[in-house]
Amino acid sequence: MPTAKKKDYSAQARIIKAMGHPTRLLILNSLKKRETCVCELRDLVGDDISTVSKHLLVLKKAGLVAVRREGNWLHYRLTCPCVLDFARCLERVLT
């Protein structure tokens, strides 16, 4: 396999790995509606803020979410809503 293709597949695998946790899928699906404060995501997920922040960092490193600061709070938004098409595809496989 050409080196360039290997790099492409490795990059894609990192994104899929970032999506490969139920909490992160919940967060991504929540962000499809609107930009959301980390405090709201904490309430949605039901974990402490540090755990939610760690999940968000994984998603951010994968390029799936972007963040902006407003006062003391961070607000997250989905950068590539098309990744949710993959999740919908998985739902079809499961049914």
N, C-alpha and C. Protein backbone atom coordinates (compact mmCIF):
# COMPACT_ATOMS: atom_id res chain seq x y z
N MET A 1 0.85 -1.17 0.00
CA MET A 1 0.00 0.00 0.00
C MET A 1 0.90 1.24 0.00
N PRO A 2 0.56 2.22 -0.83
CA PRO A 2 1.35 3.46 -0.86
C PRO A 2 1.31 4.18 0.49
N THR A 3 2.40 4.84 0.82
CA THR A 3 2.51 5.54 2.10
C THR A 3 1.42 6.58 2.28
N ALA A 4 1.09 7.30 1.22
CA ALA A 4 0.06 8.33 1.30
C ALA A 4 -1.29 7.72 1.68
N LYS A 5 -1.61 6.58 1.11
CA LYS A 5 -2.88 5.91 1.43
C LYS A 5 -2.88 5.45 2.89
N LYS A 6 -1.74 4.93 3.35
CA LYS A 6 -1.64 4.50 4.75
C LYS A 6 -1.91 5.66 5.69
N LYS A 7 -1.35 6.82 5.37
CA LYS A 7 -1.55 8.00 6.21
C LYS A 7 -3.02 8.41 6.21
N ASP A 8 -3.66 8.36 5.03
CA ASP A 8 -5.08 8.69 4.94
C ASP A 8 -5.92 7.76 5.81
N TYR A 9 -5.64 6.46 5.70
CA TYR A 9 -6.40 5.48 6.49
C TYR A 9 -6.12 5.64 7.98
N SER A 10 -4.90 5.97 8.33
CA SER A 10 -4.58 6.20 9.75
C SER A 10 -5.34 7.40 10.28
N ALA A 11 -5.41 8.46 9.51
CA ALA A 11 -6.15 9.66 9.92
C ALA A 11 -7.64 9.34 10.08
N GLN A 12 -8.18 8.59 9.15
CA GLN A 12 -9.59 8.21 9.24
C GLN A 12 -9.84 7.33 10.46
N ALA A 13 -8.92 6.43 10.73
CA ALA A 13 -9.08 5.54 11.89
C ALA A 13 -9.05 6.33 13.19
N ARG A 14 -8.24 7.39 13.27
CA ARG A 14 -8.21 8.22 14.48
C ARG A 14 -9.58 8.88 14.71
N ILE A 15 -10.21 9.32 13.65
CA ILE A 15 -11.54 9.94 13.78
C ILE A 15 -12.56 8.91 14.24
N ILE A 16 -12.53 7.74 13.62
CA ILE A 16 -13.47 6.69 14.00
C ILE A 16 -13.24 6.28 15.45
N LYS A 17 -11.99 6.20 15.86
CA LYS A 17 -11.67 5.85 17.25
C LYS A 17 -12.21 6.91 18.20
N ALA A 18 -12.10 8.18 17.84
CA ALA A 18 -12.62 9.26 18.68
C ALA A 18 -14.13 9.14 18.83
N MET A 19 -14.80 8.66 17.79
CA MET A 19 -16.26 8.49 17.84
C MET A 19 -16.66 7.21 18.57
N GLY A 20 -15.69 6.33 18.84
CA GLY A 20 -15.99 5.00 19.33
C GLY A 20 -16.25 4.89 20.81
N HIS A 21 -16.98 5.81 21.37
CA HIS A 21 -17.37 5.74 22.78
C HIS A 21 -18.81 6.24 22.89
N PRO A 22 -19.67 5.54 23.63
CA PRO A 22 -21.07 5.95 23.72
C PRO A 22 -21.27 7.40 24.19
N THR A 23 -20.47 7.84 25.13
CA THR A 23 -20.60 9.22 25.62
C THR A 23 -20.25 10.21 24.53
N ARG A 24 -19.21 9.93 23.76
CA ARG A 24 -18.82 10.85 22.70
C ARG A 24 -19.86 10.87 21.59
N LEU A 25 -20.48 9.74 21.29
CA LEU A 25 -21.56 9.74 20.30
C LEU A 25 -22.76 10.56 20.80
N LEU A 26 -23.06 10.44 22.08
CA LEU A 26 -24.13 11.24 22.67
C LEU A 26 -23.81 12.73 22.54
N ILE A 27 -22.59 13.10 22.84
CA ILE A 27 -22.17 14.51 22.74
C ILE A 27 -22.28 14.99 21.29
N LEU A 28 -21.77 14.21 20.35
CA LEU A 28 -21.83 14.61 18.94
C LEU A 28 -23.27 14.80 18.48
N ASN A 29 -24.14 13.87 18.86
CA ASN A 29 -25.54 14.00 18.46
C ASN A 29 -26.20 15.20 19.10
N SER A 30 -25.82 15.52 20.32
CA SER A 30 -26.36 16.69 20.98
C SER A 30 -25.92 17.97 20.28
N LEU A 31 -24.66 17.99 19.83
CA LEU A 31 -24.12 19.19 19.19
C LEU A 31 -24.65 19.42 17.78
N LYS A 32 -25.32 18.43 17.21
CA LYS A 32 -25.87 18.65 15.86
C LYS A 32 -26.99 19.69 15.89
N LYS A 33 -27.59 19.88 17.04
CA LYS A 33 -28.71 20.83 17.17
C LYS A 33 -28.22 22.27 17.32
N ARG A 34 -27.16 22.44 18.16
CA ARG A 34 -26.69 23.80 18.45
C ARG A 34 -25.39 23.76 19.22
N GLU A 35 -24.72 24.88 19.24
CA GLU A 35 -23.55 25.04 20.09
C GLU A 35 -24.00 24.90 21.54
N THR A 36 -23.20 24.24 22.35
CA THR A 36 -23.63 23.92 23.71
C THR A 36 -22.50 24.16 24.70
N CYS A 37 -22.86 24.71 25.83
CA CYS A 37 -21.92 24.95 26.93
C CYS A 37 -21.53 23.61 27.56
N VAL A 38 -20.29 23.53 27.99
CA VAL A 38 -19.82 22.31 28.62
C VAL A 38 -20.65 21.96 29.85
N CYS A 39 -21.20 22.96 30.52
CA CYS A 39 -22.03 22.69 31.70
C CYS A 39 -23.31 21.96 31.30
N GLU A 40 -23.88 22.30 30.16
CA GLU A 40 -25.08 21.59 29.68
C GLU A 40 -24.74 20.18 29.25
N LEU A 41 -23.58 20.02 28.63
CA LEU A 41 -23.14 18.68 28.22
C LEU A 41 -22.91 17.80 29.44
N ARG A 42 -22.37 18.40 30.50
CA ARG A 42 -22.17 17.67 31.75
C ARG A 42 -23.51 17.14 32.27
N ASP A 43 -24.52 18.00 32.24
CA ASP A 43 -25.85 17.59 32.71
C ASP A 43 -26.44 16.50 31.82
N LEU A 44 -26.23 16.61 30.53
CA LEU A 44 -26.75 15.63 29.58
C LEU A 44 -26.08 14.26 29.79
N VAL A 45 -24.78 14.28 29.92
CA VAL A 45 -24.01 13.05 30.05
C VAL A 45 -24.18 12.43 31.43
N GLY A 46 -24.25 13.28 32.45
CA GLY A 46 -24.42 12.79 33.82
C GLY A 46 -23.11 12.42 34.50
N ASP A 47 -22.00 12.86 33.93
CA ASP A 47 -20.68 12.66 34.55
C ASP A 47 -20.18 13.99 35.08
N ASP A 48 -19.08 13.93 35.82
CA ASP A 48 -18.50 15.17 36.32
C ASP A 48 -17.87 15.95 35.15
N ILE A 49 -17.64 17.21 35.37
CA ILE A 49 -17.18 18.10 34.30
C ILE A 49 -15.81 17.69 33.77
N SER A 50 -14.94 17.15 34.61
CA SER A 50 -13.61 16.76 34.13
C SER A 50 -13.70 15.58 33.17
N THR A 51 -14.60 14.63 33.44
CA THR A 51 -14.78 13.49 32.54
C THR A 51 -15.34 13.95 31.20
N VAL A 52 -16.33 14.82 31.24
CA VAL A 52 -16.91 15.35 30.01
C VAL A 52 -15.86 16.14 29.23
N SER A 53 -15.06 16.91 29.94
CA SER A 53 -14.01 17.69 29.29
C SER A 53 -12.99 16.79 28.59
N LYS A 54 -12.68 15.66 29.20
CA LYS A 54 -11.75 14.72 28.57
C LYS A 54 -12.33 14.16 27.28
N HIS A 55 -13.62 13.83 27.29
CA HIS A 55 -14.28 13.35 26.07
C HIS A 55 -14.26 14.45 25.00
N LEU A 56 -14.52 15.66 25.41
CA LEU A 56 -14.52 16.77 24.45
C LEU A 56 -13.13 17.02 23.88
N LEU A 57 -12.10 16.83 24.68
CA LEU A 57 -10.74 17.00 24.19
C LEU A 57 -10.41 15.95 23.12
N VAL A 58 -10.86 14.73 23.32
CA VAL A 58 -10.65 13.69 22.31
C VAL A 58 -11.33 14.08 21.00
N LEU A 59 -12.57 14.58 21.11
CA LEU A 59 -13.31 14.99 19.92
C LEU A 59 -12.66 16.20 19.25
N LYS A 60 -12.14 17.10 20.05
CA LYS A 60 -11.47 18.29 19.51
C LYS A 60 -10.18 17.90 18.78
N LYS A 61 -9.39 17.02 19.38
CA LYS A 61 -8.14 16.58 18.75
C LYS A 61 -8.41 15.87 17.42
N ALA A 62 -9.55 15.21 17.32
CA ALA A 62 -9.92 14.52 16.09
C ALA A 62 -10.49 15.49 15.05
N GLY A 63 -10.71 16.75 15.45
CA GLY A 63 -11.25 17.74 14.52
C GLY A 63 -12.76 17.70 14.38
N LEU A 64 -13.43 17.01 15.30
CA LEU A 64 -14.88 16.86 15.20
C LEU A 64 -15.65 17.99 15.87
N VAL A 65 -15.04 18.65 16.83
CA VAL A 65 -15.69 19.78 17.50
C VAL A 65 -14.72 20.95 17.59
N ALA A 66 -15.29 22.13 17.70
CA ALA A 66 -14.52 23.35 17.93
C ALA A 66 -15.05 23.98 19.21
N VAL A 67 -14.24 24.83 19.79
CA VAL A 67 -14.60 25.41 21.09
C VAL A 67 -14.39 26.92 21.06
N ARG A 68 -15.23 27.61 21.81
CA ARG A 68 -15.03 29.04 22.04
C ARG A 68 -15.33 29.31 23.50
N ARG A 69 -14.60 30.27 24.04
CA ARG A 69 -14.75 30.63 25.45
C ARG A 69 -15.70 31.82 25.57
N GLU A 70 -16.58 31.73 26.55
CA GLU A 70 -17.45 32.84 26.90
C GLU A 70 -17.43 32.96 28.42
N GLY A 71 -16.71 33.94 28.91
CA GLY A 71 -16.53 34.07 30.36
C GLY A 71 -15.75 32.89 30.89
N ASN A 72 -16.33 32.22 31.88
CA ASN A 72 -15.67 31.05 32.47
C ASN A 72 -16.02 29.75 31.76
N TRP A 73 -16.97 29.78 30.83
CA TRP A 73 -17.48 28.55 30.23
C TRP A 73 -16.97 28.37 28.81
N LEU A 74 -16.84 27.11 28.43
CA LEU A 74 -16.47 26.75 27.07
C LEU A 74 -17.72 26.27 26.35
N HIS A 75 -17.86 26.71 25.12
CA HIS A 75 -19.00 26.33 24.29
C HIS A 75 -18.47 25.52 23.10
N TYR A 76 -19.09 24.37 22.86
CA TYR A 76 -18.64 23.47 21.80
C TYR A 76 -19.65 23.43 20.67
N ARG A 77 -19.11 23.23 19.47
CA ARG A 77 -19.96 23.06 18.29
C ARG A 77 -19.38 21.97 17.42
N LEU A 78 -20.24 21.34 16.67
CA LEU A 78 -19.86 20.29 15.75
C LEU A 78 -19.23 20.92 14.52
N THR A 79 -18.07 20.45 14.10
CA THR A 79 -17.41 21.03 12.92
C THR A 79 -17.79 20.31 11.64
N CYS A 80 -18.11 19.05 11.73
CA CYS A 80 -18.42 18.24 10.54
C CYS A 80 -19.68 17.42 10.78
N PRO A 81 -20.85 18.00 10.60
CA PRO A 81 -22.09 17.26 10.86
C PRO A 81 -22.20 15.97 10.05
N CYS A 82 -21.47 15.87 8.96
CA CYS A 82 -21.55 14.66 8.12
C CYS A 82 -21.07 13.41 8.86
N VAL A 83 -20.30 13.55 9.93
CA VAL A 83 -19.86 12.35 10.67
C VAL A 83 -21.05 11.62 11.28
N LEU A 84 -22.14 12.34 11.49
CA LEU A 84 -23.32 11.71 12.04
C LEU A 84 -23.99 10.80 11.01
N ASP A 85 -23.68 11.00 9.72
CA ASP A 85 -24.17 10.09 8.69
C ASP A 85 -23.61 8.69 8.93
N PHE A 86 -22.35 8.64 9.36
CA PHE A 86 -21.71 7.36 9.67
C PHE A 86 -22.45 6.69 10.83
N ALA A 87 -22.80 7.46 11.84
CA ALA A 87 -23.52 6.91 12.99
C ALA A 87 -24.90 6.40 12.55
N ARG A 88 -25.57 7.12 11.66
CA ARG A 88 -26.86 6.67 11.16
C ARG A 88 -26.70 5.38 10.36
N CYS A 89 -25.62 5.28 9.61
CA CYS A 89 -25.33 4.07 8.86
C CYS A 89 -25.17 2.88 9.81
N LEU A 90 -24.46 3.11 10.91
CA LEU A 90 -24.29 2.05 11.90
C LEU A 90 -25.63 1.60 12.48
N GLU A 91 -26.53 2.55 12.69
CA GLU A 91 -27.86 2.19 13.21
C GLU A 91 -28.58 1.26 12.24
N ARG A 92 -28.44 1.52 10.94
CA ARG A 92 -29.05 0.65 9.93
C ARG A 92 -28.45 -0.75 9.97
N VAL A 93 -27.16 -0.83 10.16
CA VAL A 93 -26.50 -2.14 10.26
C VAL A 93 -27.06 -2.92 11.45
N LEU A 94 -27.28 -2.22 12.55
CA LEU A 94 -27.77 -2.88 13.76
C LEU A 94 -29.21 -3.37 13.64
N THR A 95 -29.98 -2.74 12.75
CA THR A 95 -31.38 -3.19 12.58
C THR A 95 -31.42 -4.13 11.45
